[in-house]
Amino acid sequence: MEVKSETIKAERIEIQDSCKAVFVHDADYIFQRESEDAPWIQAACNYTHRAYRPDADVSAEPQEVQDICNAIWTDKLKKEYADSL
């Protein structure tokens, strides 16, 4: 039996609540197959999640996440968020 894994960063990105929090979901898939001729079958999946507020540093995130944050986190929104703390 062969086993392989694959990680998909930022498989899902959600924007929630009035302060535009960004939730990033990664997925780690494990696949297996009985022989070299057999198809790969998903055996398991593990999800990890992160949440970011408008004052967060997202520079280590994939470019897609950075682009979304830069688009929705306007200077006005960042100021409103900072004032609410």
Protein backbone atom coordinates (compact mmCIF):
# COMPACT_ATOMS: atom_id res chain seq x y z
CA MET A 1 0.00 0.00 0.00
CA GLU A 2 1.26 3.48 -0.87
CA VAL A 3 0.44 6.60 1.12
CA LYS A 4 0.94 10.26 0.20
CA SER A 5 -0.09 13.57 1.72
CA GLU A 6 -0.91 16.98 0.32
CA THR A 7 -1.35 20.29 2.10
CA ILE A 8 -3.51 22.99 0.58
CA LYS A 9 -2.87 26.40 2.13
CA ALA A 10 -5.82 28.78 2.25
CA GLU A 11 -8.21 26.17 0.92
CA ARG A 12 -11.03 28.37 2.15
CA ILE A 13 -11.03 32.05 3.10
CA GLU A 14 -13.98 33.61 4.94
CA ILE A 15 -14.74 37.19 5.89
CA GLN A 16 -16.90 37.52 8.98
CA ASP A 17 -18.49 40.08 11.30
CA SER A 18 -18.55 43.85 11.22
CA CYS A 19 -14.79 44.30 11.75
CA LYS A 20 -14.07 42.15 8.68
CA ALA A 21 -12.17 39.37 10.43
CA VAL A 22 -10.53 37.03 7.93
CA PHE A 23 -10.58 33.30 8.63
CA VAL A 24 -8.12 31.11 6.74
CA HIS A 25 -8.59 27.34 6.52
CA ASP A 26 -5.83 24.92 5.47
CA ALA A 27 -6.37 21.27 4.61
CA ASP A 28 -3.98 18.34 5.00
CA TYR A 29 -5.12 15.39 2.90
CA ILE A 30 -3.84 11.82 3.17
CA PHE A 31 -4.32 9.53 0.19
CA GLN A 32 -3.68 5.84 -0.20
CA ARG A 33 -3.78 3.22 -2.92
CA GLU A 34 -3.40 -0.53 -2.90
CA SER A 35 -1.06 -0.80 -5.88
CA GLU A 36 0.65 1.31 -8.50
CA ASP A 37 -2.24 0.67 -10.89
CA ALA A 38 -4.97 1.56 -8.39
CA PRO A 39 -6.44 5.05 -8.06
CA TRP A 40 -5.55 7.28 -5.12
CA ILE A 41 -8.32 7.35 -2.50
CA GLN A 42 -8.66 10.01 0.19
CA ALA A 43 -8.11 8.28 3.52
CA ALA A 44 -8.20 11.26 5.87
CA CYS A 45 -8.29 15.04 6.08
CA ASN A 46 -7.25 17.40 8.84
CA TYR A 47 -8.20 21.08 8.87
CA THR A 48 -6.41 23.94 10.61
CA HIS A 49 -7.84 27.44 11.01
CA ARG A 50 -6.48 30.91 11.67
CA ALA A 51 -8.28 34.19 12.25
CA TYR A 52 -6.99 37.70 11.55
CA ARG A 53 -8.33 41.11 12.61
CA PRO A 54 -7.65 44.36 10.73
CA ASP A 55 -4.55 45.10 12.86
CA ALA A 56 -2.90 41.77 11.99
CA ASP A 57 0.25 41.14 9.97
CA VAL A 58 -0.67 38.74 7.15
CA SER A 59 2.63 39.01 5.25
CA ALA A 60 3.40 35.31 5.86
CA GLU A 61 0.08 34.21 4.34
CA PRO A 62 -0.38 33.21 0.69
CA GLN A 63 -0.72 36.13 -1.73
CA GLU A 64 -4.46 35.50 -2.17
CA VAL A 65 -5.04 36.06 1.56
CA GLN A 66 -2.90 39.21 1.54
CA ASP A 67 -4.81 40.58 -1.46
CA ILE A 68 -8.19 39.98 0.20
CA CYS A 69 -7.06 41.61 3.45
CA ASN A 70 -5.63 44.62 1.62
CA ALA A 71 -8.87 45.02 -0.32
CA ILE A 72 -11.24 44.92 2.65
CA TRP A 73 -9.11 46.44 5.40
CA THR A 74 -9.30 50.08 4.39
CA ASP A 75 -7.61 52.77 6.48
CA LYS A 76 -11.07 53.83 7.69
CA LEU A 77 -11.88 50.27 8.81
CA LYS A 78 -8.51 49.89 10.55
CA LYS A 79 -9.07 53.17 12.44
CA GLU A 80 -12.61 52.15 13.45
CA TYR A 81 -11.29 48.81 14.66
CA ALA A 82 -8.46 50.41 16.65
CA ASP A 83 -10.89 52.90 18.21
CA SER A 84 -13.19 50.04 19.28
CA LEU A 85 -10.48 48.34 21.35
